[in-house]
Amino acid sequence: MSTPRNGRSKASVPLRLQGVLFSGIRDGIEEDPRVEKYTVPAVLSRRPTIAERELIGRIGTTGHLASAGYPDVELILDDRRLNITNTSLEELRDGLAVMLGALIRDLADRAGTLPDPTANPQANLTDSKRERLRKLAAEIRFH
């Protein structure tokens, strides 16, 4: 695992929603009476790990948002940005933001207990299979 410039490892920085990226909200959204719901980009404290990305991707399919009264809201990860679709600033202010913050915090804690698939990607391979794959990989040329 690489260490960021601040000297702390990625795992030592908890994954949290930090706030709305105001510059990412489409211009004129308030002036258009036809638009009640739109995408609100939120900034994450760091890039999510593979396990965290997978868990965030599953939030929509678990029915958690729908059962909480947000059936049309979807979450789309884009690096350190979480795009919250089919919502509004008012909806976020009135409770969705608190719920999403808790969801992200909980899933980040849960992901921290899962094995990191990037730690040793060949850990489950036999020595012979690992060597065969290493040789095959060495033969590949991108020119």
Protein backbone atom coordinates (compact mmCIF):
# COMPACT_ATOMS: atom_id res chain seq x y z
CA MET A 1 0.00 0.00 0.00
CA SER A 2 1.39 3.37 -0.93
CA THR A 3 1.69 6.17 1.56
CA PRO A 4 0.23 9.57 0.66
CA ARG A 5 2.34 12.72 0.84
CA ASN A 6 1.08 13.49 4.32
CA GLY A 7 2.79 10.33 5.57
CA ARG A 8 -0.38 8.53 6.64
CA SER A 9 -1.49 5.33 4.97
CA LYS A 10 -4.79 5.25 3.12
CA ALA A 11 -6.29 2.98 5.75
CA SER A 12 -5.54 5.45 8.54
CA VAL A 13 -7.80 8.08 6.93
CA PRO A 14 -11.42 7.08 7.52
CA LEU A 15 -13.70 7.15 4.49
CA ARG A 16 -16.27 9.88 5.08
CA LEU A 17 -18.47 12.21 3.07
CA GLN A 18 -16.97 15.67 3.56
CA GLY A 19 -19.50 17.89 1.85
CA VAL A 20 -21.17 18.98 -1.36
CA LEU A 21 -18.96 20.00 -4.28
CA PHE A 22 -20.88 23.17 -5.10
CA SER A 23 -18.95 23.82 -8.32
CA GLY A 24 -20.16 20.46 -9.62
CA ILE A 25 -23.84 21.38 -9.44
CA ARG A 26 -25.23 22.26 -12.85
CA ASP A 27 -25.70 26.01 -13.44
CA GLY A 28 -29.28 27.24 -13.56
CA ILE A 29 -30.67 24.29 -11.61
CA GLU A 30 -32.77 26.55 -9.36
CA GLU A 31 -34.15 28.58 -12.27
CA ASP A 32 -35.49 25.59 -14.21
CA PRO A 33 -38.99 24.82 -12.85
CA ARG A 34 -39.03 21.45 -14.64
CA VAL A 35 -36.08 20.18 -12.62
CA GLU A 36 -36.96 19.00 -9.14
CA LYS A 37 -34.28 16.33 -8.81
CA TYR A 38 -30.71 16.47 -10.06
CA THR A 39 -27.23 15.12 -9.34
CA VAL A 40 -25.40 16.48 -6.34
CA PRO A 41 -21.68 15.67 -6.18
CA ALA A 42 -20.22 15.06 -2.74
CA VAL A 43 -16.53 14.85 -1.86
CA LEU A 44 -15.10 11.82 -0.07
CA SER A 45 -12.25 12.11 2.42
CA ARG A 46 -10.10 9.81 0.24
CA ARG A 47 -10.33 7.38 -2.65
CA PRO A 48 -12.28 4.30 -1.60
CA THR A 49 -10.55 0.94 -1.49
CA ILE A 50 -11.69 -1.86 -3.78
CA ALA A 51 -13.82 -3.37 -1.01
CA GLU A 52 -15.37 0.01 -0.20
CA ARG A 53 -16.17 0.64 -3.87
CA GLU A 54 -17.90 -2.71 -4.11
CA LEU A 55 -19.96 -2.06 -0.98
CA ILE A 56 -20.93 1.44 -2.14
CA GLY A 57 -21.99 -0.04 -5.47
CA ARG A 58 -24.30 -2.45 -3.64
CA ILE A 59 -26.11 0.23 -1.62
CA GLY A 60 -28.63 0.81 -4.39
CA THR A 61 -29.38 -2.89 -4.81
CA THR A 62 -29.93 -3.54 -1.11
CA GLY A 63 -33.12 -1.51 -1.06
CA HIS A 64 -31.80 0.51 1.88
CA LEU A 65 -32.33 3.85 0.14
CA ALA A 66 -35.77 2.87 -1.14
CA SER A 67 -36.94 1.65 2.26
CA ALA A 68 -35.74 4.94 3.79
CA GLY A 69 -37.95 6.88 1.36
CA TYR A 70 -35.44 7.55 -1.44
CA PRO A 71 -36.38 5.00 -4.13
CA ASP A 72 -34.96 7.00 -7.05
CA VAL A 73 -31.65 8.05 -5.49
CA GLU A 74 -28.56 6.35 -6.90
CA LEU A 75 -24.91 6.60 -5.89
CA ILE A 76 -22.20 6.74 -8.54
CA LEU A 77 -18.54 6.75 -7.55
CA ASP A 78 -16.12 8.89 -9.52
CA ASP A 79 -12.67 8.76 -7.88
CA ARG A 80 -13.04 10.87 -4.70
CA ARG A 81 -16.49 12.07 -5.71
CA LEU A 82 -19.79 10.42 -4.90
CA ASN A 83 -22.48 11.59 -7.32
CA ILE A 84 -25.86 11.41 -5.65
CA THR A 85 -28.42 11.28 -8.47
CA ASN A 86 -32.15 12.03 -8.48
CA THR A 87 -32.03 14.21 -5.38
CA SER A 88 -31.87 17.85 -4.38
CA LEU A 89 -30.01 20.01 -1.91
CA GLU A 90 -33.21 20.29 0.11
CA GLU A 91 -33.63 16.52 0.26
CA LEU A 92 -30.02 16.15 1.39
CA ARG A 93 -30.44 18.86 4.02
CA ASP A 94 -33.67 17.31 5.30
CA GLY A 95 -32.18 13.93 6.17
CA LEU A 96 -30.65 12.15 3.19
CA ALA A 97 -27.18 13.55 3.92
CA VAL A 98 -27.17 12.22 7.49
CA MET A 99 -28.35 8.81 6.30
CA LEU A 100 -25.71 8.67 3.53
CA GLY A 101 -23.00 9.76 5.94
CA ALA A 102 -23.91 6.93 8.30
CA LEU A 103 -24.09 4.41 5.43
CA ILE A 104 -20.63 5.38 4.14
CA ARG A 105 -19.15 5.29 7.65
CA ASP A 106 -20.69 1.87 8.35
CA LEU A 107 -19.64 0.30 5.08
CA ALA A 108 -16.11 1.70 5.40
CA ASP A 109 -15.88 0.10 8.84
CA ARG A 110 -17.23 -3.17 7.42
CA ALA A 111 -14.83 -3.04 4.45
CA GLY A 112 -11.94 -2.61 6.89
CA THR A 113 -12.62 -6.10 8.21
CA LEU A 114 -12.58 -7.70 4.75
CA PRO A 115 -9.37 -9.07 3.25
CA ASP A 116 -7.66 -6.63 0.87
CA PRO A 117 -7.56 -8.32 -2.56
CA THR A 118 -4.68 -6.07 -3.61
CA ALA A 119 -2.45 -7.07 -0.69
CA ASN A 120 -1.29 -10.27 -2.41
CA PRO A 121 -3.31 -10.94 -5.55
CA GLN A 122 -1.66 -14.34 -6.16
CA ALA A 123 -2.02 -15.60 -2.58
CA ASN A 124 -4.44 -18.37 -3.58
CA LEU A 125 -2.39 -19.64 -6.53
CA THR A 126 -0.19 -22.71 -6.38
CA ASP A 127 3.52 -22.12 -7.03
CA SER A 128 3.32 -23.85 -10.42
CA LYS A 129 0.30 -21.83 -11.54
CA ARG A 130 1.88 -18.60 -10.32
CA GLU A 131 5.07 -19.38 -12.27
CA ARG A 132 3.12 -20.30 -15.42
CA LEU A 133 1.15 -17.03 -15.25
CA ARG A 134 4.33 -15.05 -14.58
CA LYS A 135 5.92 -16.55 -17.70
CA LEU A 136 2.82 -15.84 -19.81
CA ALA A 137 2.73 -12.24 -18.56
CA ALA A 138 6.42 -11.81 -19.43
CA GLU A 139 5.75 -12.86 -23.04
CA ILE A 140 3.18 -10.15 -23.67
CA ARG A 141 4.39 -7.15 -25.69
CA PHE A 142 2.36 -3.97 -26.22
CA HIS A 143 4.14 -2.71 -29.33
